[in-house]
PDB file of N, CA and C in Angstrom:
ATOM      1  N   MET A   1      -8.350 -63.511   6.954  1.00  0.00           N
ATOM      2  CA  MET A   1      -8.911 -62.549   7.886  1.00  0.00           C
ATOM      3  C   MET A   1      -7.817 -61.944   8.771  1.00  0.00           C
ATOM      4  N   LYS A   2      -6.912 -62.775   9.231  1.00  0.00           N
ATOM      5  CA  LYS A   2      -5.831 -62.299  10.077  1.00  0.00           C
ATOM      6  C   LYS A   2      -4.936 -61.310   9.324  1.00  0.00           C
ATOM      7  N   LYS A   3      -4.684 -61.621   8.077  1.00  0.00           N
ATOM      8  CA  LYS A   3      -3.826 -60.789   7.244  1.00  0.00           C
ATOM      9  C   LYS A   3      -4.413 -59.382   7.085  1.00  0.00           C
ATOM     10  N   GLU A   4      -5.726 -59.302   6.858  1.00  0.00           N
ATOM     11  CA  GLU A   4      -6.390 -58.013   6.683  1.00  0.00           C
ATOM     12  C   GLU A   4      -6.346 -57.176   7.966  1.00  0.00           C
ATOM     13  N   ILE A   5      -6.519 -57.812   9.075  1.00  0.00           N
ATOM     14  CA  ILE A   5      -6.474 -57.110  10.371  1.00  0.00           C
ATOM     15  C   ILE A   5      -5.072 -56.548  10.618  1.00  0.00           C
ATOM     16  N   ILE A   6      -4.060 -57.327  10.314  1.00  0.00           N
ATOM     17  CA  ILE A   6      -2.675 -56.863  10.484  1.00  0.00           C
ATOM     18  C   ILE A   6      -2.399 -55.669   9.575  1.00  0.00           C
ATOM     19  N   ILE A   7      -2.875 -55.739   8.339  1.00  0.00           N
ATOM     20  CA  ILE A   7      -2.677 -54.631   7.396  1.00  0.00           C
ATOM     21  C   ILE A   7      -3.386 -53.379   7.900  1.00  0.00           C
ATOM     22  N   ILE A   8      -4.593 -53.508   8.409  1.00  0.00           N
ATOM     23  CA  ILE A   8      -5.342 -52.366   8.940  1.00  0.00           C
ATOM     24  C   ILE A   8      -4.610 -51.764  10.136  1.00  0.00           C
ATOM     25  N   ILE A   9      -4.114 -52.595  11.018  1.00  0.00           N
ATOM     26  CA  ILE A   9      -3.385 -52.107  12.195  1.00  0.00           C
ATOM     27  C   ILE A   9      -2.128 -51.360  11.769  1.00  0.00           C
ATOM     28  N   VAL A  10      -1.410 -51.891  10.802  1.00  0.00           N
ATOM     29  CA  VAL A  10      -0.192 -51.233  10.308  1.00  0.00           C
ATOM     30  C   VAL A  10      -0.536 -49.879   9.693  1.00  0.00           C
ATOM     31  N   ILE A  11      -1.593 -49.822   8.906  1.00  0.00           N
ATOM     32  CA  ILE A  11      -1.997 -48.555   8.288  1.00  0.00           C
ATOM     33  C   ILE A  11      -2.390 -47.529   9.343  1.00  0.00           C
ATOM     34  N   VAL A  12      -3.158 -47.948  10.322  1.00  0.00           N
ATOM     35  CA  VAL A  12      -3.567 -47.035  11.390  1.00  0.00           C
ATOM     36  C   VAL A  12      -2.349 -46.525  12.154  1.00  0.00           C
ATOM     37  N   LEU A  13      -1.411 -47.406  12.444  1.00  0.00           N
ATOM     38  CA  LEU A  13      -0.186 -46.996  13.134  1.00  0.00           C
ATOM     39  C   LEU A  13       0.614 -45.993  12.301  1.00  0.00           C
ATOM     40  N   LEU A  14       0.721 -46.237  11.010  1.00  0.00           N
ATOM     41  CA  LEU A  14       1.434 -45.302  10.138  1.00  0.00           C
ATOM     42  C   LEU A  14       0.768 -43.929  10.123  1.00  0.00           C
ATOM     43  N   VAL A  15      -0.549 -43.909  10.077  1.00  0.00           N
ATOM     44  CA  VAL A  15      -1.278 -42.638  10.086  1.00  0.00           C
ATOM     45  C   VAL A  15      -1.033 -41.900  11.398  1.00  0.00           C
ATOM     46  N   VAL A  16      -1.129 -42.598  12.504  1.00  0.00           N
ATOM     47  CA  VAL A  16      -0.931 -41.959  13.813  1.00  0.00           C
ATOM     48  C   VAL A  16       0.506 -41.468  13.970  1.00  0.00           C
ATOM     49  N   ILE A  17       1.468 -42.268  13.566  1.00  0.00           N
ATOM     50  CA  ILE A  17       2.882 -41.874  13.681  1.00  0.00           C
ATOM     51  C   ILE A  17       3.184 -40.672  12.791  1.00  0.00           C
ATOM     52  N   SER A  18       2.730 -40.722  11.548  1.00  0.00           N
ATOM     53  CA  SER A  18       2.993 -39.591  10.646  1.00  0.00           C
ATOM     54  C   SER A  18       2.292 -38.334  11.134  1.00  0.00           C
ATOM     55  N   ASP A  19       1.078 -38.468  11.655  1.00  0.00           N
ATOM     56  CA  ASP A  19       0.380 -37.296  12.188  1.00  0.00           C
ATOM     57  C   ASP A  19       1.120 -36.724  13.393  1.00  0.00           C
ATOM     58  N   THR A  20       1.646 -37.576  14.234  1.00  0.00           N
ATOM     59  CA  THR A  20       2.407 -37.112  15.393  1.00  0.00           C
ATOM     60  C   THR A  20       3.641 -36.327  14.951  1.00  0.00           C
ATOM     61  N   ILE A  21       4.330 -36.822  13.956  1.00  0.00           N
ATOM     62  CA  ILE A  21       5.519 -36.131  13.446  1.00  0.00           C
ATOM     63  C   ILE A  21       5.141 -34.785  12.838  1.00  0.00           C
ATOM     64  N   PHE A  22       4.117 -34.790  11.987  1.00  0.00           N
ATOM     65  CA  PHE A  22       3.711 -33.547  11.329  1.00  0.00           C
ATOM     66  C   PHE A  22       3.145 -32.535  12.321  1.00  0.00           C
ATOM     67  N   THR A  23       2.402 -33.006  13.298  1.00  0.00           N
ATOM     68  CA  THR A  23       1.853 -32.106  14.311  1.00  0.00           C
ATOM     69  C   THR A  23       2.973 -31.481  15.130  1.00  0.00           C
ATOM     70  N   SER A  24       3.949 -32.274  15.487  1.00  0.00           N
ATOM     71  CA  SER A  24       5.085 -31.761  16.248  1.00  0.00           C
ATOM     72  C   SER A  24       5.843 -30.704  15.452  1.00  0.00           C
ATOM     73  N   MET A  25       6.071 -31.002  14.186  1.00  0.00           N
ATOM     74  CA  MET A  25       6.781 -30.045  13.334  1.00  0.00           C
ATOM     75  C   MET A  25       5.969 -28.757  13.163  1.00  0.00           C
ATOM     76  N   THR A  26       4.678 -28.898  12.935  1.00  0.00           N
ATOM     77  CA  THR A  26       3.812 -27.727  12.790  1.00  0.00           C
ATOM     78  C   THR A  26       3.813 -26.895  14.064  1.00  0.00           C
ATOM     79  N   ASP A  27       3.690 -27.554  15.209  1.00  0.00           N
ATOM     80  CA  ASP A  27       3.691 -26.835  16.487  1.00  0.00           C
ATOM     81  C   ASP A  27       4.982 -26.036  16.680  1.00  0.00           C
ATOM     82  N   LYS A  28       6.113 -26.643  16.358  1.00  0.00           N
ATOM     83  CA  LYS A  28       7.398 -25.948  16.495  1.00  0.00           C
ATOM     84  C   LYS A  28       7.458 -24.730  15.591  1.00  0.00           C
ATOM     85  N   ARG A  29       7.011 -24.893  14.351  1.00  0.00           N
ATOM     86  CA  ARG A  29       7.038 -23.771  13.391  1.00  0.00           C
ATOM     87  C   ARG A  29       6.113 -22.653  13.840  1.00  0.00           C
ATOM     88  N   VAL A  30       4.914 -23.017  14.280  1.00  0.00           N
ATOM     89  CA  VAL A  30       3.950 -22.009  14.716  1.00  0.00           C
ATOM     90  C   VAL A  30       4.461 -21.281  15.957  1.00  0.00           C
ATOM     91  N   GLU A  31       5.010 -22.007  16.904  1.00  0.00           N
ATOM     92  CA  GLU A  31       5.544 -21.367  18.113  1.00  0.00           C
ATOM     93  C   GLU A  31       6.697 -20.417  17.776  1.00  0.00           C
ATOM     94  N   ASP A  32       7.526 -20.805  16.821  1.00  0.00           N
ATOM     95  CA  ASP A  32       8.620 -19.932  16.400  1.00  0.00           C
ATOM     96  C   ASP A  32       8.069 -18.651  15.763  1.00  0.00           C
ATOM     97  N   ILE A  33       7.074 -18.790  14.911  1.00  0.00           N
ATOM     98  CA  ILE A  33       6.471 -17.618  14.268  1.00  0.00           C
ATOM     99  C   ILE A  33       5.862 -16.702  15.329  1.00  0.00           C
ATOM    100  N   ILE A  34       5.139 -17.281  16.267  1.00  0.00           N
ATOM    101  CA  ILE A  34       4.499 -16.477  17.316  1.00  0.00           C
ATOM    102  C   ILE A  34       5.549 -15.772  18.178  1.00  0.00           C
ATOM    103  N   SER A  35       6.641 -16.453  18.498  1.00  0.00           N
ATOM    104  CA  SER A  35       7.683 -15.799  19.309  1.00  0.00           C
ATOM    105  C   SER A  35       8.339 -14.657  18.528  1.00  0.00           C
ATOM    106  N   ARG A  36       8.522 -14.848  17.225  1.00  0.00           N
ATOM    107  CA  ARG A  36       9.075 -13.768  16.396  1.00  0.00           C
ATOM    108  C   ARG A  36       8.105 -12.590  16.314  1.00  0.00           C
ATOM    109  N   LEU A  37       6.813 -12.880  16.266  1.00  0.00           N
ATOM    110  CA  LEU A  37       5.814 -11.805  16.256  1.00  0.00           C
ATOM    111  C   LEU A  37       5.859 -11.017  17.564  1.00  0.00           C
ATOM    112  N   GLU A  38       6.038 -11.728  18.672  1.00  0.00           N
ATOM    113  CA  GLU A  38       6.149 -11.056  19.975  1.00  0.00           C
ATOM    114  C   GLU A  38       7.382 -10.148  20.018  1.00  0.00           C
ATOM    115  N   GLU A  39       8.485 -10.626  19.442  1.00  0.00           N
ATOM    116  CA  GLU A  39       9.702  -9.808  19.395  1.00  0.00           C
ATOM    117  C   GLU A  39       9.459  -8.531  18.589  1.00  0.00           C
ATOM    118  N   ILE A  40       8.767  -8.667  17.479  1.00  0.00           N
ATOM    119  CA  ILE A  40       8.469  -7.493  16.651  1.00  0.00           C
ATOM    120  C   ILE A  40       7.581  -6.529  17.425  1.00  0.00           C
ATOM    121  N   LYS A  41       6.601  -7.062  18.114  1.00  0.00           N
ATOM    122  CA  LYS A  41       5.659  -6.227  18.870  1.00  0.00           C
ATOM    123  C   LYS A  41       6.358  -5.464  19.991  1.00  0.00           C
ATOM    124  N   GLU A  42       7.319  -6.107  20.634  1.00  0.00           N
ATOM    125  CA  GLU A  42       8.006  -5.481  21.763  1.00  0.00           C
ATOM    126  C   GLU A  42       9.114  -4.524  21.325  1.00  0.00           C
ATOM    127  N   GLU A  43       9.544  -4.630  20.087  1.00  0.00           N
ATOM    128  CA  GLU A  43      10.640  -3.791  19.593  1.00  0.00           C
ATOM    129  C   GLU A  43      10.180  -2.346  19.441  1.00  0.00           C
ATOM    130  N   LYS A  44      10.917  -1.430  20.043  1.00  0.00           N
ATOM    131  CA  LYS A  44      10.568  -0.007  19.977  1.00  0.00           C
ATOM    132  C   LYS A  44      11.303   0.717  18.851  1.00  0.00           C
ATOM    133  N   ASN A  45      12.480   0.232  18.522  1.00  0.00           N
ATOM    134  CA  ASN A  45      13.286   0.863  17.484  1.00  0.00           C
ATOM    135  C   ASN A  45      12.739   0.471  16.101  1.00  0.00           C
ATOM    136  N   LEU A  46      12.433   1.477  15.286  1.00  0.00           N
ATOM    137  CA  LEU A  46      11.835   1.238  13.975  1.00  0.00           C
ATOM    138  C   LEU A  46      12.732   0.383  13.090  1.00  0.00           C
ATOM    139  N   LYS A  47      14.013   0.691  13.040  1.00  0.00           N
ATOM    140  CA  LYS A  47      14.951  -0.058  12.182  1.00  0.00           C
ATOM    141  C   LYS A  47      15.017  -1.524  12.602  1.00  0.00           C
ATOM    142  N   ASN A  48      15.102  -1.765  13.903  1.00  0.00           N
ATOM    143  CA  ASN A  48      15.155  -3.144  14.404  1.00  0.00           C
ATOM    144  C   ASN A  48      13.846  -3.884  14.128  1.00  0.00           C
ATOM    145  N   ARG A  49      12.728  -3.162  14.241  1.00  0.00           N
ATOM    146  CA  ARG A  49      11.424  -3.772  13.965  1.00  0.00           C
ATOM    147  C   ARG A  49      11.341  -4.191  12.491  1.00  0.00           C
ATOM    148  N   ILE A  50      11.812  -3.331  11.610  1.00  0.00           N
ATOM    149  CA  ILE A  50      11.817  -3.654  10.178  1.00  0.00           C
ATOM    150  C   ILE A  50      12.723  -4.852   9.907  1.00  0.00           C
ATOM    151  N   ASP A  51      13.899  -4.877  10.551  1.00  0.00           N
ATOM    152  CA  ASP A  51      14.820  -6.006  10.371  1.00  0.00           C
ATOM    153  C   ASP A  51      14.192  -7.315  10.854  1.00  0.00           C
ATOM    154  N   LYS A  52      13.504  -7.263  11.989  1.00  0.00           N
ATOM    155  CA  LYS A  52      12.864  -8.472  12.513  1.00  0.00           C
ATOM    156  C   LYS A  52      11.712  -8.920  11.624  1.00  0.00           C
ATOM    157  N   ALA A  53      10.993  -7.961  11.056  1.00  0.00           N
ATOM    158  CA  ALA A  53       9.905  -8.312  10.134  1.00  0.00           C
ATOM    159  C   ALA A  53      10.480  -8.939   8.868  1.00  0.00           C
ATOM    160  N   GLU A  54      11.618  -8.443   8.426  1.00  0.00           N
ATOM    161  CA  GLU A  54      12.268  -9.022   7.249  1.00  0.00           C
ATOM    162  C   GLU A  54      12.771 -10.437   7.554  1.00  0.00           C
ATOM    163  N   GLU A  55      13.301 -10.633   8.745  1.00  0.00           N
ATOM    164  CA  GLU A  55      13.729 -11.968   9.187  1.00  0.00           C
ATOM    165  C   GLU A  55      12.543 -12.927   9.211  1.00  0.00           C
ATOM    166  N   LEU A  56      11.415 -12.421   9.700  1.00  0.00           N
ATOM    167  CA  LEU A  56      10.206 -13.230   9.750  1.00  0.00           C
ATOM    168  C   LEU A  56       9.791 -13.653   8.342  1.00  0.00           C
ATOM    169  N   LYS A  57       9.881 -12.735   7.389  1.00  0.00           N
ATOM    170  CA  LYS A  57       9.545 -13.063   6.000  1.00  0.00           C
ATOM    171  C   LYS A  57      10.402 -14.199   5.468  1.00  0.00           C
ATOM    172  N   SER A  58      11.702 -14.104   5.686  1.00  0.00           N
ATOM    173  CA  SER A  58      12.600 -15.149   5.157  1.00  0.00           C
ATOM    174  C   SER A  58      12.401 -16.478   5.895  1.00  0.00           C
ATOM    175  N   THR A  59      12.166 -16.411   7.189  1.00  0.00           N
ATOM    176  CA  THR A  59      11.901 -17.629   7.953  1.00  0.00           C
ATOM    177  C   THR A  59      10.616 -18.287   7.466  1.00  0.00           C
ATOM    178  N   TRP A  60       9.595 -17.465   7.236  1.00  0.00           N
ATOM    179  CA  TRP A  60       8.322 -18.009   6.779  1.00  0.00           C
ATOM    180  C   TRP A  60       8.470 -18.691   5.418  1.00  0.00           C
ATOM    181  N   LYS A  61       9.281 -18.126   4.545  1.00  0.00           N
ATOM    182  CA  LYS A  61       9.481 -18.750   3.230  1.00  0.00           C
ATOM    183  C   LYS A  61      10.033 -20.160   3.384  1.00  0.00           C
ATOM    184  N   ALA A  62      10.961 -20.349   4.303  1.00  0.00           N
ATOM    185  CA  ALA A  62      11.522 -21.684   4.543  1.00  0.00           C
ATOM    186  C   ALA A  62      10.470 -22.605   5.149  1.00  0.00           C
ATOM    187  N   TYR A  63       9.689 -22.104   6.103  1.00  0.00           N
ATOM    188  CA  TYR A  63       8.650 -22.911   6.730  1.00  0.00           C
ATOM    189  C   TYR A  63       7.552 -23.258   5.730  1.00  0.00           C
ATOM    190  N   PHE A  64       7.248 -22.321   4.841  1.00  0.00           N
ATOM    191  CA  PHE A  64       6.204 -22.534   3.843  1.00  0.00           C
ATOM    192  C   PHE A  64       6.515 -23.780   3.013  1.00  0.00           C
ATOM    193  N   VAL A  65       7.758 -23.904   2.611  1.00  0.00           N
ATOM    194  CA  VAL A  65       8.174 -25.054   1.790  1.00  0.00           C
ATOM    195  C   VAL A  65       7.963 -26.357   2.554  1.00  0.00           C
ATOM    196  N   GLU A  66       8.254 -26.362   3.833  1.00  0.00           N
ATOM    197  CA  GLU A  66       8.083 -27.569   4.637  1.00  0.00           C
ATOM    198  C   GLU A  66       6.606 -27.878   4.883  1.00  0.00           C
ATOM    199  N   LEU A  67       5.826 -26.855   5.160  1.00  0.00           N
ATOM    200  CA  LEU A  67       4.440 -27.054   5.562  1.00  0.00           C
ATOM    201  C   LEU A  67       3.485 -27.300   4.398  1.00  0.00           C
ATOM    202  N   GLU A  68       3.887 -26.881   3.208  1.00  0.00           N
ATOM    203  CA  GLU A  68       2.968 -26.974   2.083  1.00  0.00           C
ATOM    204  C   GLU A  68       2.654 -28.412   1.666  1.00  0.00           C
ATOM    205  N   PHE A  69       3.398 -29.373   2.160  1.00  0.00           N
ATOM    206  CA  PHE A  69       3.136 -30.761   1.808  1.00  0.00           C
ATOM    207  C   PHE A  69       1.879 -31.309   2.469  1.00  0.00           C
ATOM    208  N   TYR A  70       1.498 -30.758   3.619  1.00  0.00           N
ATOM    209  CA  TYR A  70       0.372 -31.345   4.335  1.00  0.00           C
ATOM    210  C   TYR A  70      -0.598 -30.332   4.933  1.00  0.00           C
ATOM    211  N   ILE A  71      -0.407 -29.060   4.651  1.00  0.00           N
ATOM    212  CA  ILE A  71      -1.350 -28.038   5.111  1.00  0.00           C
ATOM    213  C   ILE A  71      -1.914 -27.345   3.881  1.00  0.00           C
ATOM    214  N   GLU A  72      -3.187 -27.009   3.956  1.00  0.00           N
ATOM    215  CA  GLU A  72      -3.852 -26.372   2.829  1.00  0.00           C
ATOM    216  C   GLU A  72      -3.105 -25.113   2.394  1.00  0.00           C
ATOM    217  N   HIS A  73      -2.914 -25.002   1.093  1.00  0.00           N
ATOM    218  CA  HIS A  73      -2.190 -23.846   0.553  1.00  0.00           C
ATOM    219  C   HIS A  73      -2.921 -22.542   0.837  1.00  0.00           C
ATOM    220  N   ASN A  74      -4.229 -22.601   0.867  1.00  0.00           N
ATOM    221  CA  ASN A  74      -5.014 -21.406   1.133  1.00  0.00           C
ATOM    222  C   ASN A  74      -4.646 -20.798   2.493  1.00  0.00           C
ATOM    223  N   ASP A  75      -4.535 -21.643   3.505  1.00  0.00           N
ATOM    224  CA  ASP A  75      -4.165 -21.169   4.844  1.00  0.00           C
ATOM    225  C   ASP A  75      -2.751 -20.583   4.847  1.00  0.00           C
ATOM    226  N   LEU A  76      -1.843 -21.265   4.174  1.00  0.00           N
ATOM    227  CA  LEU A  76      -0.457 -20.795   4.126  1.00  0.00           C
ATOM    228  C   LEU A  76      -0.345 -19.483   3.355  1.00  0.00           C
ATOM    229  N   GLU A  77      -1.105 -19.367   2.278  1.00  0.00           N
ATOM    230  CA  GLU A  77      -1.075 -18.131   1.480  1.00  0.00           C
ATOM    231  C   GLU A  77      -1.599 -16.946   2.278  1.00  0.00           C
ATOM    232  N   LYS A  78      -2.629 -17.168   3.063  1.00  0.00           N
ATOM    233  CA  LYS A  78      -3.173 -16.088   3.899  1.00  0.00           C
ATOM    234  C   LYS A  78      -2.100 -15.570   4.859  1.00  0.00           C
ATOM    235  N   ILE A  79      -1.357 -16.493   5.451  1.00  0.00           N
ATOM    236  CA  ILE A  79      -0.293 -16.083   6.369  1.00  0.00           C
ATOM    237  C   ILE A  79       0.812 -15.366   5.604  1.00  0.00           C
ATOM    238  N   SER A  80       1.170 -15.851   4.432  1.00  0.00           N
ATOM    239  CA  SER A  80       2.201 -15.195   3.621  1.00  0.00           C
ATOM    240  C   SER A  80       1.813 -13.757   3.303  1.00  0.00           C
ATOM    241  N   ILE A  81       0.580 -13.561   2.891  1.00  0.00           N
ATOM    242  CA  ILE A  81       0.102 -12.210   2.557  1.00  0.00           C
ATOM    243  C   ILE A  81       0.111 -11.324   3.788  1.00  0.00           C
ATOM    244  N   GLU A  82      -0.311 -11.862   4.906  1.00  0.00           N
ATOM    245  CA  GLU A  82      -0.340 -11.065   6.137  1.00  0.00           C
ATOM    246  C   GLU A  82       1.068 -10.714   6.606  1.00  0.00           C
ATOM    247  N   ILE A  83       2.022 -11.605   6.408  1.00  0.00           N
ATOM    248  CA  ILE A  83       3.410 -11.302   6.766  1.00  0.00           C
ATOM    249  C   ILE A  83       3.949 -10.177   5.881  1.00  0.00           C
ATOM    250  N   GLU A  84       3.605 -10.212   4.607  1.00  0.00           N
ATOM    251  CA  GLU A  84       3.994  -9.115   3.699  1.00  0.00           C
ATOM    252  C   GLU A  84       3.369  -7.799   4.153  1.00  0.00           C
ATOM    253  N   ASP A  85       2.092  -7.858   4.544  1.00  0.00           N
ATOM    254  CA  ASP A  85       1.422  -6.663   5.045  1.00  0.00           C
ATOM    255  C   ASP A  85       2.102  -6.138   6.307  1.00  0.00           C
ATOM    256  N   LEU A  86       2.439  -7.058   7.210  1.00  0.00           N
ATOM    257  CA  LEU A  86       3.120  -6.666   8.448  1.00  0.00           C
ATOM    258  C   LEU A  86       4.423  -5.945   8.135  1.00  0.00           C
ATOM    259  N   TYR A  87       5.178  -6.483   7.200  1.00  0.00           N
ATOM    260  CA  TYR A  87       6.442  -5.861   6.814  1.00  0.00           C
ATOM    261  C   TYR A  87       6.206  -4.434   6.305  1.00  0.00           C
ATOM    262  N   CYS A  88       5.197  -4.279   5.468  1.00  0.00           N
ATOM    263  CA  CYS A  88       4.881  -2.937   4.931  1.00  0.00           C
ATOM    264  C   CYS A  88       4.431  -1.985   6.039  1.00  0.00           C
ATOM    265  N   TYR A  89       3.613  -2.486   6.963  1.00  0.00           N
ATOM    266  CA  TYR A  89       3.154  -1.645   8.075  1.00  0.00           C
ATOM    267  C   TYR A  89       4.324  -1.243   8.974  1.00  0.00           C
ATOM    268  N   CYS A  90       5.268  -2.158   9.168  1.00  0.00           N
ATOM    269  CA  CYS A  90       6.443  -1.827   9.984  1.00  0.00           C
ATOM    270  C   CYS A  90       7.273  -0.748   9.301  1.00  0.00           C
ATOM    271  N   LYS A  91       7.432  -0.864   7.992  1.00  0.00           N
ATOM    272  CA  LYS A  91       8.209   0.134   7.248  1.00  0.00           C
ATOM    273  C   LYS A  91       7.540   1.511   7.283  1.00  0.00           C
ATOM    274  N   SER A  92       6.219   1.521   7.250  1.00  0.00           N
ATOM    275  CA  SER A  92       5.512   2.804   7.260  1.00  0.00           C
ATOM    276  C   SER A  92       5.338   3.351   8.677  1.00  0.00           C
ATOM    277  N   ASP A  93       5.733   2.564   9.668  1.00  0.00           N
ATOM    278  CA  ASP A  93       5.643   2.938  11.080  1.00  0.00           C
ATOM    279  C   ASP A  93       4.195   3.230  11.488  1.00  0.00           C
ATOM    280  N   ASN A  94       3.269   2.468  10.932  1.00  0.00           N
ATOM    281  CA  ASN A  94       1.862   2.584  11.275  1.00  0.00           C
ATOM    282  C   ASN A  94       1.585   1.607  12.414  1.00  0.00           C
ATOM    283  N   GLU A  95       1.717   2.107  13.641  1.00  0.00           N
ATOM    284  CA  GLU A  95       1.677   1.239  14.818  1.00  0.00           C
ATOM    285  C   GLU A  95       0.365   0.479  14.949  1.00  0.00           C
ATOM    286  N   GLU A  96      -0.743   1.147  14.746  1.00  0.00           N
ATOM    287  CA  GLU A  96      -2.039   0.483  14.883  1.00  0.00           C
ATOM    288  C   GLU A  96      -2.180  -0.659  13.882  1.00  0.00           C
ATOM    289  N   GLU A  97      -1.754  -0.425  12.652  1.00  0.00           N
ATOM    290  CA  GLU A  97      -1.872  -1.450  11.616  1.00  0.00           C
ATOM    291  C   GLU A  97      -0.960  -2.646  11.881  1.00  0.00           C
ATOM    292  N   TRP A  98       0.298  -2.407  12.275  1.00  0.00           N
ATOM    293  CA  TRP A  98       1.172  -3.560  12.489  1.00  0.00           C
ATOM    294  C   TRP A  98       0.780  -4.341  13.737  1.00  0.00           C
ATOM    295  N   GLU A  99       0.220  -3.665  14.734  1.00  0.00           N
ATOM    296  CA  GLU A  99      -0.258  -4.403  15.906  1.00  0.00           C
ATOM    297  C   GLU A  99      -1.464  -5.273  15.535  1.00  0.00           C
ATOM    298  N   ASN A 100      -2.365  -4.734  14.707  1.00  0.00           N
ATOM    299  CA  ASN A 100      -3.505  -5.528  14.237  1.00  0.00           C
ATOM    300  C   ASN A 100      -3.039  -6.691  13.369  1.00  0.00           C
ATOM    301  N   SER A 101      -2.036  -6.450  12.561  1.00  0.00           N
ATOM    302  CA  SER A 101      -1.494  -7.498  11.698  1.00  0.00           C
ATOM    303  C   SER A 101      -0.873  -8.614  12.536  1.00  0.00           C
ATOM    304  N   ILE A 102      -0.175  -8.259  13.585  1.00  0.00           N
ATOM    305  CA  ILE A 102       0.417  -9.263  14.479  1.00  0.00           C
ATOM    306  C   ILE A 102      -0.679 -10.102  15.123  1.00  0.00           C
ATOM    307  N   ALA A 103      -1.750  -9.451  15.567  1.00  0.00           N
ATOM    308  CA  ALA A 103      -2.866 -10.181  16.179  1.00  0.00           C
ATOM    309  C   ALA A 103      -3.500 -11.146  15.175  1.00  0.00           C
ATOM    310  N   ARG A 104      -3.686 -10.687  13.930  1.00  0.00           N
ATOM    311  CA  ARG A 104      -4.257 -11.559  12.904  1.00  0.00           C
ATOM    312  C   ARG A 104      -3.332 -12.743  12.612  1.00  0.00           C
ATOM    313  N   LEU A 105      -2.032 -12.480  12.534  1.00  0.00           N
ATOM    314  CA  LEU A 105      -1.069 -13.557  12.270  1.00  0.00           C
ATOM    315  C   LEU A 105      -1.058 -14.597  13.391  1.00  0.00           C
ATOM    316  N   LYS A 106      -1.128 -14.135  14.619  1.00  0.00           N
ATOM    317  CA  LYS A 106      -1.178 -15.079  15.740  1.00  0.00           C
ATOM    318  C   LYS A 106      -2.422 -15.950  15.642  1.00  0.00           C
ATOM    319  N   SER A 107      -3.533 -15.320  15.346  1.00  0.00           N
ATOM    320  CA  SER A 107      -4.785 -16.055  15.228  1.00  0.00           C
ATOM    321  C   SER A 107      -4.725 -17.072  14.091  1.00  0.00           C
ATOM    322  N   MET A 108      -4.208 -16.672  12.940  1.00  0.00           N
ATOM    323  CA  MET A 108      -4.088 -17.590  11.803  1.00  0.00           C
ATOM    324  C   MET A 108      -3.155 -18.745  12.116  1.00  0.00           C
ATOM    325  N   SER A 109      -2.065 -18.447  12.785  1.00  0.00           N
ATOM    326  CA  SER A 109      -1.098 -19.492  13.135  1.00  0.00           C
ATOM    327  C   SER A 109      -1.708 -20.504  14.094  1.00  0.00           C
ATOM    328  N   GLU A 110      -2.402 -20.022  15.093  1.00  0.00           N
ATOM    329  CA  GLU A 110      -3.064 -20.917  16.043  1.00  0.00           C
ATOM    330  C   GLU A 110      -4.132 -21.745  15.338  1.00  0.00           C
ATOM    331  N   HIS A 111      -4.815 -21.134  14.391  1.00  0.00           N
ATOM    332  CA  HIS A 111      -5.850 -21.842  13.632  1.00  0.00           C
ATOM    333  C   HIS A 111      -5.240 -23.025  12.869  1.00  0.00           C
ATOM    334  N   ILE A 112      -4.113 -22.799  12.243  1.00  0.00           N
ATOM    335  CA  ILE A 112      -3.440 -23.883  11.511  1.00  0.00           C
ATOM    336  C   ILE A 112      -3.047 -24.996  12.475  1.00  0.00           C
ATOM    337  N   LYS A 113      -2.509 -24.605  13.607  1.00  0.00           N
ATOM    338  CA  LYS A 113      -2.068 -25.591  14.589  1.00  0.00           C
ATOM    339  C   LYS A 113      -3.250 -26.450  15.057  1.00  0.00           C
ATOM    340  N   ASP A 114      -4.371 -25.816  15.343  1.00  0.00           N
ATOM    341  CA  ASP A 114      -5.539 -26.548  15.834  1.00  0.00           C
ATOM    342  C   ASP A 114      -6.235 -27.343  14.736  1.00  0.00           C
ATOM    343  N   LYS A 115      -6.296 -26.770  13.561  1.00  0.00           N
ATOM    344  CA  LYS A 115      -7.036 -27.377  12.462  1.00  0.00           C
ATOM    345  C   LYS A 115      -6.438 -28.714  12.018  1.00  0.00           C
ATOM    346  N   HIS A 116      -5.154 -28.866  12.116  1.00  0.00           N
ATOM    347  CA  HIS A 116      -4.498 -30.040  11.575  1.00  0.00           C
ATOM    348  C   HIS A 116      -4.097 -31.065  12.628  1.00  0.00           C
ATOM    349  N   ARG A 117      -4.703 -30.974  13.768  1.00  0.00           N
ATOM    350  CA  ARG A 117      -4.493 -32.006  14.788  1.00  0.00           C
ATOM    351  C   ARG A 117      -5.406 -33.190  14.481  1.00  0.00           C
ATOM    352  N   LEU A 118      -4.923 -34.361  14.796  1.00  0.00           N
ATOM    353  CA  LEU A 118      -5.727 -35.565  14.615  1.00  0.00           C
ATOM    354  C   LEU A 118      -6.661 -35.674  15.815  1.00  0.00           C
ATOM    355  N   LYS A 119      -7.938 -35.334  15.587  1.00  0.00           N
ATOM    356  CA  LYS A 119      -8.937 -35.403  16.639  1.00  0.00           C
ATOM    357  C   LYS A 119     -10.102 -36.237  16.130  1.00  0.00           C
ATOM    358  N   LEU A 120     -10.781 -36.844  17.040  1.00  0.00           N
ATOM    359  CA  LEU A 120     -11.909 -37.674  16.655  1.00  0.00           C
ATOM    360  C   LEU A 120     -13.003 -36.828  15.980  1.00  0.00           C
ATOM    361  N   ASN A 121     -13.227 -35.615  16.495  1.00  0.00           N
ATOM    362  CA  ASN A 121     -14.283 -34.788  15.893  1.00  0.00           C
ATOM    363  C   ASN A 121     -13.899 -34.265  14.512  1.00  0.00           C
ATOM    364  N   ASN A 122     -12.640 -34.373  14.094  1.00  0.00           N
ATOM    365  CA  ASN A 122     -12.242 -33.998  12.734  1.00  0.00           C
ATOM    366  C   ASN A 122     -12.710 -35.040  11.717  1.00  0.00           C
ATOM    367  N   PHE A 123     -12.978 -36.231  12.185  1.00  0.00           N
ATOM    368  CA  PHE A 123     -13.424 -37.286  11.286  1.00  0.00           C
ATOM    369  C   PHE A 123     -14.918 -37.253  11.017  1.00  0.00           C
ATOM    370  N   PHE A 124     -15.666 -36.666  11.950  1.00  0.00           N
ATOM    371  CA  PHE A 124     -17.133 -36.690  11.827  1.00  0.00           C
ATOM    372  C   PHE A 124     -17.707 -35.323  11.619  1.00  0.00           C
TER     373      PHE A 124
END
């Protein structure tokens, strides 16, 4: 009986520790994406905006590889597609569309951050 309790405690600790690490990493990635989106939104120069959107694309590709191990691919794919759309909207200088795309990306990013937190209500 003692052995089983120790094993359960170790497993629970491993789950909590790994979730803490993954949540921290996810939060950092999401905050970086959101700050890059803010930079794109504030940029007035079209060329610089396109360059920042291209930087965001390459950064996201690196983050995608890290995040795909523990976040649903569907959520990550939605963000990837929206980042591609943002890049296209920036190139076409369609201000209304790229601003809407930035808002959608922020919302999706926050959703990922909240969805993958270890909360008691996520279990029930």
